[in-house]
Amino acid sequence: MTFDRYLLRSFFHTFGVCFITTFGLVIIIDLLENLDEFLTRNGDKGTTSLLKSIAECYAYQSVFFLDRAGPALTIISLMVLLVLLQRSGELHPLLAAGIPMYRVLTPLIIASSGVYMLLALNQEFIVPQIAHAAYESRGGGAATRHDVESFTDHTTRISIDGRAIRLSSRTIDQASFVLPAPGIVSEITILEAPTATFFPARGKRPAGWLLRSVSPPPAELKQRLTEAGRETVWLPANTPNVFVVSSVTADQLCQRSSSYSLLSTSELLQRIRCPAFGLVSVHRLVLHFHARLAQPLLNIIAILIVVPLMVRRESPGIVADSALCGFVLASLFGVVQGSQMLGASQIIPADLAAWFPVIVGGAISAWLSGVIRT
């Protein structure tokens, strides 16, 4: 038990050092490139305000960095620790006492798996809550504006566009909604508003966009709406505002090719089931969903590949073991990327693209289990 605690303490110490050094390097490089932006947005508020905005920015970025680089840092920490244990000869007395190698290294396997579990919780509960911060400019201040990528709701055929979008407040500036005819209106109508804000579904109210001070005015728009249009375009009484029912969220109008990676699994499932998306978008989401389910297994498989390769029975040396381990992991990563590319191109089904690397990696880890030192 004493040695188990020693291994756990050493692993988390190594992981902490790896995280601090790598993320510290990221901060230094990013600050060199964006310090002027911090200074500009800080204005004359003083050094304290500047340091606060820098700390707040990189506190958010640390969460995203841990989400992306956490699995790799875990494997690197495990490899480094196994190298140090062998160089110091700390494994030999335990093996000489008849304790199996897998029993000796069980704390490391459990600790690595525990880190992956924490990374999964981070991805499910923390990242979705601060997803907008991934696209914010450095230095705080006013919300960052992004170019709007126009989107057509496949349920209502309404086209959503605008000049810019602020993800933190889910608001489009200079919004432009094109209502199709004859489904929604008797003739094609363009709704223009200074701002349009997205509101998620709540109770009996569906999700949609609230357009403030809309043009044409609601009285004129009411005459053009069809029966189906009145169910989609709501005209609140005695206000110049219009509520357009739509499942198209703010993040789908900006960075569409990557924004879904910041969703929780439940949100991802809701988006897959949403009829507002086209077949290409749904296929991409399904592929990412299967890849997310397969990722924990791939992480465990990576651990089961690293352990036997780093403590091989007939080892030519630590350097050769590390090189071979890196080569095998890089090959598995290549299989993952190749499968993802084939799946995204719809050459192979999305589920096969995500789970094929698990099959390959599982076979490799099972074959390597017999080469561990005893």
Protein backbone atom coordinates (compact mmCIF):
# COMPACT_ATOMS: atom_id res chain seq x y z
CA MET A 1 0.00 0.00 0.00
CA THR A 2 2.89 2.36 0.72
CA PHE A 3 4.31 1.81 -2.76
CA ASP A 4 0.83 2.24 -4.26
CA ARG A 5 0.51 5.65 -2.61
CA TYR A 6 4.00 6.50 -3.80
CA LEU A 7 3.06 5.64 -7.39
CA LEU A 8 -0.15 7.68 -7.20
CA ARG A 9 1.66 10.68 -5.75
CA SER A 10 4.38 10.43 -8.39
CA PHE A 11 1.88 10.14 -11.24
CA PHE A 12 -0.17 13.18 -10.26
CA HIS A 13 3.01 15.15 -9.62
CA THR A 14 4.27 14.26 -13.11
CA PHE A 15 0.90 15.08 -14.68
CA GLY A 16 0.84 18.44 -12.89
CA VAL A 17 4.34 19.29 -14.08
CA CYS A 18 3.47 18.32 -17.67
CA PHE A 19 0.29 20.40 -17.61
CA ILE A 20 1.93 23.48 -16.08
CA THR A 21 4.90 23.41 -18.45
CA THR A 22 2.89 22.85 -21.63
CA PHE A 23 0.10 25.28 -20.79
CA GLY A 24 2.65 27.79 -19.52
CA LEU A 25 4.36 27.60 -22.91
CA VAL A 26 0.99 28.16 -24.60
CA ILE A 27 0.37 31.25 -22.44
CA ILE A 28 3.79 32.71 -23.24
CA ILE A 29 3.39 32.22 -26.99
CA ASP A 30 -0.18 33.53 -26.97
CA LEU A 31 0.76 36.57 -24.88
CA LEU A 32 3.59 37.44 -27.27
CA GLU A 33 1.09 37.45 -30.12
CA ASN A 34 -1.89 39.10 -28.37
CA LEU A 35 -0.47 41.40 -25.70
CA ASP A 36 -1.29 44.45 -27.84
CA GLU A 37 -4.92 43.33 -27.93
CA PHE A 38 -5.00 43.00 -24.15
CA LEU A 39 -3.53 46.50 -23.79
CA THR A 40 -5.90 48.03 -26.32
CA ARG A 41 -9.04 46.55 -24.76
CA ASN A 42 -7.82 47.43 -21.26
CA GLY A 43 -7.37 51.12 -22.13
CA ASP A 44 -6.51 53.30 -19.13
CA LYS A 45 -7.89 50.97 -16.47
CA GLY A 46 -4.48 50.26 -14.95
CA THR A 47 -2.19 47.30 -14.33
CA THR A 48 -4.53 45.54 -11.92
CA SER A 49 -7.34 45.45 -14.48
CA LEU A 50 -4.92 44.23 -17.15
CA LEU A 51 -3.65 41.37 -14.99
CA LYS A 52 -7.22 40.46 -14.04
CA SER A 53 -8.33 40.26 -17.69
CA ILE A 54 -5.27 38.16 -18.57
CA ALA A 55 -5.91 35.77 -15.66
CA GLU A 56 -9.62 35.49 -16.55
CA CYS A 57 -8.87 34.80 -20.20
CA TYR A 58 -6.35 32.04 -19.53
CA ALA A 59 -8.48 30.53 -16.77
CA TYR A 60 -11.10 29.85 -19.46
CA GLN A 61 -8.45 28.71 -21.93
CA SER A 62 -7.01 26.26 -19.40
CA VAL A 63 -10.34 24.40 -19.38
CA PHE A 64 -10.32 24.08 -23.17
CA PHE A 65 -6.63 23.15 -23.19
CA LEU A 66 -7.22 20.41 -20.62
CA ASP A 67 -10.13 19.10 -22.69
CA ARG A 68 -8.01 18.85 -25.85
CA ALA A 69 -4.58 17.98 -24.50
CA GLY A 70 -5.56 16.04 -21.36
CA PRO A 71 -5.46 12.54 -22.92
CA ALA A 72 -2.03 13.16 -24.47
CA LEU A 73 -0.65 14.61 -21.23
CA THR A 74 -1.89 11.55 -19.33
CA ILE A 75 -0.06 9.18 -21.66
CA ILE A 76 3.09 11.30 -21.58
CA SER A 77 2.99 11.40 -17.79
CA LEU A 78 2.62 7.63 -17.65
CA MET A 79 5.55 7.08 -20.03
CA VAL A 80 7.79 9.53 -18.15
CA LEU A 81 7.00 7.92 -14.80
CA LEU A 82 7.71 4.41 -16.12
CA VAL A 83 11.05 5.63 -17.50
CA LEU A 84 11.98 7.15 -14.13
CA LEU A 85 10.96 4.00 -12.23
CA GLN A 86 13.15 1.83 -14.45
CA ARG A 87 16.13 4.16 -14.34
CA SER A 88 16.03 4.17 -10.54
CA GLY A 89 15.54 0.38 -10.40
CA GLU A 90 12.50 0.62 -8.14
CA LEU A 91 10.59 -2.14 -9.92
CA HIS A 92 13.18 -4.89 -9.55
CA PRO A 93 12.75 -5.59 -5.80
CA LEU A 94 8.99 -5.99 -6.22
CA LEU A 95 9.37 -8.33 -9.19
CA ALA A 96 11.99 -10.32 -7.27
CA ALA A 97 9.46 -10.72 -4.45
CA GLY A 98 7.10 -12.46 -6.89
CA ILE A 99 4.61 -9.62 -7.36
CA PRO A 100 3.24 -9.55 -10.95
CA MET A 101 4.06 -6.44 -12.98
CA TYR A 102 0.41 -5.65 -13.64
CA ARG A 103 -0.24 -5.68 -9.87
CA VAL A 104 2.72 -3.37 -9.32
CA LEU A 105 1.44 -0.88 -11.91
CA THR A 106 -2.26 -1.17 -11.04
CA PRO A 107 -2.24 2.23 -9.22
CA LEU A 108 -0.92 3.90 -12.38
CA ILE A 109 -3.62 2.29 -14.52
CA ILE A 110 -6.32 3.33 -12.04
CA ALA A 111 -4.92 6.87 -11.75
CA SER A 112 -4.77 7.28 -15.53
CA SER A 113 -8.33 6.02 -15.87
CA GLY A 114 -9.41 8.41 -13.11
CA VAL A 115 -7.90 11.34 -14.99
CA TYR A 116 -9.83 10.30 -18.10
CA MET A 117 -13.02 10.20 -16.05
CA LEU A 118 -12.38 13.75 -14.81
CA LEU A 119 -11.72 14.85 -18.40
CA ALA A 120 -15.05 13.34 -19.44
CA LEU A 121 -16.85 15.24 -16.65
CA ASN A 122 -15.07 18.41 -17.74
CA GLN A 123 -16.27 17.86 -21.30
CA GLU A 124 -19.85 17.17 -20.26
CA PHE A 125 -20.47 19.79 -17.57
CA ILE A 126 -17.88 22.58 -17.65
CA VAL A 127 -16.94 23.09 -21.31
CA PRO A 128 -20.55 23.54 -22.55
CA GLN A 129 -21.18 26.22 -19.91
CA ILE A 130 -18.25 28.39 -21.06
CA ALA A 131 -18.20 27.43 -24.74
CA HIS A 132 -18.68 31.03 -25.86
CA ALA A 133 -15.36 31.98 -24.20
CA ALA A 134 -13.49 29.83 -26.73
CA TYR A 135 -14.21 32.46 -29.41
CA GLU A 136 -13.93 35.65 -27.35
CA SER A 137 -11.21 38.20 -28.07
CA ARG A 138 -8.40 38.70 -25.58
CA GLY A 139 -8.84 41.27 -22.88
CA GLY A 140 -12.53 41.12 -21.98
CA GLY A 141 -14.61 44.24 -22.44
CA ALA A 142 -17.48 44.21 -24.91
CA ALA A 143 -18.56 40.86 -26.32
CA THR A 144 -16.64 39.78 -29.39
CA ARG A 145 -18.50 40.00 -32.68
CA HIS A 146 -18.12 37.29 -35.31
CA ASP A 147 -19.20 37.10 -38.92
CA VAL A 148 -22.50 35.31 -39.36
CA GLU A 149 -22.56 32.11 -41.40
CA SER A 150 -26.05 32.14 -42.89
CA PHE A 151 -28.17 29.08 -42.17
CA THR A 152 -31.45 27.77 -43.54
CA ASP A 153 -33.80 26.06 -41.11
CA HIS A 154 -34.77 22.83 -42.93
CA THR A 155 -38.03 22.65 -40.97
CA THR A 156 -39.46 26.03 -41.92
CA ARG A 157 -37.11 26.96 -44.81
CA ILE A 158 -36.44 30.31 -43.11
CA SER A 159 -32.98 31.70 -43.93
CA ILE A 160 -31.17 33.34 -41.00
CA ASP A 161 -28.42 35.91 -41.60
CA GLY A 162 -26.98 39.12 -40.18
CA ARG A 163 -23.96 41.38 -39.99
CA ALA A 164 -22.38 39.96 -36.82
CA ILE A 165 -23.16 37.66 -33.90
CA ARG A 166 -22.22 37.82 -30.21
CA LEU A 167 -22.09 34.29 -28.84
CA SER A 168 -21.99 35.29 -25.17
CA SER A 169 -25.43 36.95 -25.43
CA ARG A 170 -26.68 34.79 -28.37
CA THR A 171 -27.53 37.96 -30.29
CA ILE A 172 -27.33 38.80 -34.00
CA ASP A 173 -26.63 42.42 -34.93
CA GLN A 174 -28.46 43.76 -38.01
CA ALA A 175 -30.40 40.51 -38.31
CA SER A 176 -32.03 39.48 -41.57
CA PHE A 177 -34.58 36.63 -41.70
CA VAL A 178 -35.96 35.61 -45.09
CA LEU A 179 -39.48 34.13 -44.85
CA PRO A 180 -40.27 31.75 -47.73
CA ALA A 181 -43.45 31.84 -49.82
CA PRO A 182 -45.99 30.36 -49.93
CA GLY A 183 -45.25 28.26 -46.85
CA ILE A 184 -44.85 31.06 -44.28
CA VAL A 185 -45.99 34.20 -46.10
CA SER A 186 -47.97 34.94 -49.25
CA GLU A 187 -44.93 36.60 -50.83
CA ILE A 188 -41.24 36.40 -49.94
CA THR A 189 -40.60 38.73 -47.02
CA ILE A 190 -37.32 39.84 -45.47
CA LEU A 191 -37.52 40.63 -41.75
CA GLU A 192 -34.85 43.10 -40.69
CA ALA A 193 -34.10 44.09 -37.11
CA PRO A 194 -31.27 45.86 -35.23
CA THR A 195 -30.91 42.80 -32.99
CA ALA A 196 -32.24 39.25 -32.82
CA THR A 197 -31.71 37.21 -29.64
CA PHE A 198 -32.05 33.43 -29.35
CA PHE A 199 -34.11 31.99 -26.49
CA PRO A 200 -34.05 28.24 -25.76
CA ALA A 201 -37.28 26.32 -25.27
CA ARG A 202 -38.94 26.75 -21.90
CA GLY A 203 -42.18 25.09 -20.86
CA LYS A 204 -44.72 25.37 -23.67
CA ARG A 205 -42.70 28.05 -25.45
CA PRO A 206 -40.53 26.63 -28.27
CA ALA A 207 -37.01 27.77 -29.05
CA GLY A 208 -36.68 30.72 -31.35
CA TRP A 209 -35.39 34.22 -32.13
CA LEU A 210 -36.83 37.48 -30.81
CA LEU A 211 -36.42 40.24 -33.40
CA ARG A 212 -36.74 43.70 -31.84
CA SER A 213 -38.09 46.73 -33.74
CA VAL A 214 -38.62 44.60 -36.81
CA SER A 215 -39.23 45.86 -40.33
CA PRO A 216 -41.75 45.52 -41.94
CA PRO A 217 -43.85 46.32 -38.86
CA PRO A 218 -45.98 43.55 -37.30
CA ALA A 219 -49.25 45.08 -38.55
CA GLU A 220 -48.10 44.80 -42.17
CA LEU A 221 -46.49 41.39 -41.60
CA LYS A 222 -49.72 40.01 -40.11
CA GLN A 223 -51.52 40.47 -43.44
CA ARG A 224 -48.89 38.41 -45.29
CA LEU A 225 -48.70 35.44 -42.90
CA THR A 226 -50.30 32.17 -43.94
CA GLU A 227 -51.99 29.82 -41.48
CA ALA A 228 -48.76 27.82 -41.11
CA GLY A 229 -46.83 31.08 -40.85
CA ARG A 230 -48.80 32.18 -37.79
CA GLU A 231 -47.57 29.07 -35.98
CA THR A 232 -43.96 29.92 -36.83
CA VAL A 233 -43.92 33.72 -36.69
CA TRP A 234 -45.47 35.07 -33.50
CA LEU A 235 -46.58 38.70 -33.23
CA PRO A 236 -46.71 39.82 -29.58
CA ALA A 237 -49.46 42.31 -28.95
CA ASN A 238 -48.64 46.04 -28.77
CA THR A 239 -44.91 45.62 -29.46
CA PRO A 240 -42.73 46.20 -32.54
CA ASN A 241 -41.10 42.80 -31.92
CA VAL A 242 -41.50 39.44 -33.68
CA PHE A 243 -40.69 35.97 -32.35
CA VAL A 244 -39.60 33.45 -35.01
CA VAL A 245 -39.81 29.81 -33.92
CA SER A 246 -36.59 27.98 -34.89
CA SER A 247 -34.27 25.33 -33.47
CA VAL A 248 -31.22 26.95 -35.08
CA THR A 249 -29.05 28.12 -32.16
CA ALA A 250 -26.51 30.95 -32.06
CA ASP A 251 -23.44 28.71 -32.15
CA GLN A 252 -24.60 27.22 -35.45
CA LEU A 253 -24.22 30.63 -37.08
CA CYS A 254 -20.51 30.89 -36.22
CA GLN A 255 -17.62 28.42 -36.45
CA ARG A 256 -20.14 25.80 -37.56
CA SER A 257 -17.52 23.19 -38.48
CA SER A 258 -16.15 23.00 -34.92
CA SER A 259 -18.67 24.51 -32.49
CA TYR A 260 -20.48 21.19 -31.97
CA SER A 261 -17.35 19.77 -30.31
CA LEU A 262 -18.06 22.04 -27.32
CA LEU A 263 -21.53 20.60 -26.74
CA SER A 264 -22.41 18.09 -24.06
CA THR A 265 -23.49 14.64 -25.19
CA SER A 266 -27.16 15.34 -24.38
CA GLU A 267 -27.05 18.55 -26.43
CA LEU A 268 -25.37 16.67 -29.24
CA LEU A 269 -28.16 14.09 -29.26
CA GLN A 270 -30.80 16.82 -29.30
CA ARG A 271 -29.11 18.42 -32.28
CA ILE A 272 -28.93 15.11 -34.15
CA ARG A 273 -32.67 14.60 -33.64
CA CYS A 274 -33.50 18.19 -34.58
CA PRO A 275 -35.26 18.34 -37.99
CA ALA A 276 -33.79 21.78 -38.71
CA PHE A 277 -30.52 20.34 -40.03
CA GLY A 278 -29.63 18.89 -43.40
CA LEU A 279 -28.28 15.39 -44.01
CA VAL A 280 -24.65 16.54 -44.29
CA SER A 281 -24.77 18.34 -40.94
CA VAL A 282 -26.49 15.39 -39.25
CA HIS A 283 -23.89 12.96 -40.62
CA ARG A 284 -21.09 15.10 -39.20
CA LEU A 285 -22.82 15.22 -35.82
CA VAL A 286 -23.42 11.44 -35.80
CA LEU A 287 -19.75 10.84 -36.58
CA HIS A 288 -18.68 13.10 -33.73
CA PHE A 289 -21.17 11.44 -31.37
CA HIS A 290 -19.79 7.95 -32.07
CA ALA A 291 -16.22 9.25 -31.81
CA ARG A 292 -17.01 10.74 -28.41
CA LEU A 293 -18.41 7.41 -27.17
CA ALA A 294 -15.36 5.56 -28.49
CA GLN A 295 -12.81 8.01 -27.06
CA PRO A 296 -12.83 6.66 -23.45
CA LEU A 297 -12.15 3.14 -24.74
CA LEU A 298 -9.34 4.44 -26.93
CA ASN A 299 -7.84 6.19 -23.91
CA ILE A 300 -7.89 2.96 -21.86
CA ILE A 301 -6.44 1.04 -24.81
CA ALA A 302 -3.60 3.58 -25.04
CA ILE A 303 -2.75 2.88 -21.39
CA LEU A 304 -2.77 -0.89 -22.01
CA ILE A 305 -0.42 -0.35 -24.96
CA VAL A 306 2.00 1.90 -23.07
CA VAL A 307 2.41 -0.29 -19.98
CA PRO A 308 3.66 -3.53 -21.64
CA LEU A 309 5.79 -1.70 -24.20
CA MET A 310 7.56 0.43 -21.58
CA VAL A 311 8.34 -2.58 -19.33
CA ARG A 312 9.02 -5.27 -21.92
CA ARG A 313 10.42 -8.64 -20.96
CA GLU A 314 13.27 -8.51 -23.51
CA SER A 315 13.96 -4.80 -23.56
CA PRO A 316 16.87 -3.40 -25.62
CA GLY A 317 16.80 -0.23 -23.52
CA ILE A 318 14.58 2.56 -22.26
CA VAL A 319 15.17 4.73 -25.33
CA ALA A 320 14.21 1.92 -27.73
CA ASP A 321 11.12 1.10 -25.63
CA SER A 322 10.03 4.73 -25.65
CA ALA A 323 10.58 5.02 -29.40
CA LEU A 324 8.61 1.85 -30.11
CA CYS A 325 5.81 2.96 -27.79
CA GLY A 326 5.63 6.33 -29.52
CA PHE A 327 5.56 4.65 -32.94
CA VAL A 328 2.70 2.32 -31.98
CA LEU A 329 0.67 5.16 -30.48
CA ALA A 330 1.32 7.35 -33.52
CA SER A 331 0.18 4.50 -35.78
CA LEU A 332 -3.01 4.11 -33.76
CA PHE A 333 -3.57 7.87 -33.98
CA GLY A 334 -3.11 7.61 -37.75
CA VAL A 335 -5.76 4.88 -37.88
CA VAL A 336 -8.12 7.14 -35.90
CA GLN A 337 -7.56 10.11 -38.20
CA GLY A 338 -7.83 7.99 -41.33
CA SER A 339 -11.10 6.47 -40.15
CA GLN A 340 -12.45 9.91 -39.28
CA MET A 341 -11.55 11.20 -42.73
CA LEU A 342 -13.22 8.24 -44.45
CA GLY A 343 -16.28 8.68 -42.24
CA ALA A 344 -16.50 12.44 -42.91
CA SER A 345 -16.29 11.73 -46.65
CA GLN A 346 -19.11 9.17 -46.24
CA ILE A 347 -16.93 6.46 -47.76
CA ILE A 348 -17.60 4.27 -44.74
CA PRO A 349 -20.48 4.51 -42.21
CA ALA A 350 -20.07 6.92 -39.30
CA ASP A 351 -20.31 4.21 -36.64
CA LEU A 352 -17.66 2.06 -38.35
CA ALA A 353 -15.36 5.08 -38.71
CA ALA A 354 -15.52 5.72 -34.98
CA TRP A 355 -15.32 2.14 -33.69
CA PHE A 356 -12.82 0.62 -36.13
CA PRO A 357 -9.82 2.17 -34.26
CA VAL A 358 -11.18 0.62 -31.04
CA ILE A 359 -11.13 -2.81 -32.68
CA VAL A 360 -7.60 -2.30 -34.01
CA GLY A 361 -6.30 -0.83 -30.75
CA GLY A 362 -7.96 -3.53 -28.66
CA ALA A 363 -6.32 -6.25 -30.76
CA ILE A 364 -2.91 -4.59 -30.40
CA SER A 365 -3.24 -4.18 -26.63
CA ALA A 366 -4.36 -7.81 -26.22
CA TRP A 367 -1.38 -9.04 -28.28
CA LEU A 368 1.07 -6.86 -26.32
CA SER A 369 -0.18 -8.06 -22.92
CA GLY A 370 2.09 -11.09 -23.20
CA VAL A 371 5.34 -9.14 -23.64
CA ILE A 372 5.27 -7.43 -20.24
CA ARG A 373 8.16 -8.12 -17.88
CA THR A 374 7.56 -10.70 -15.15
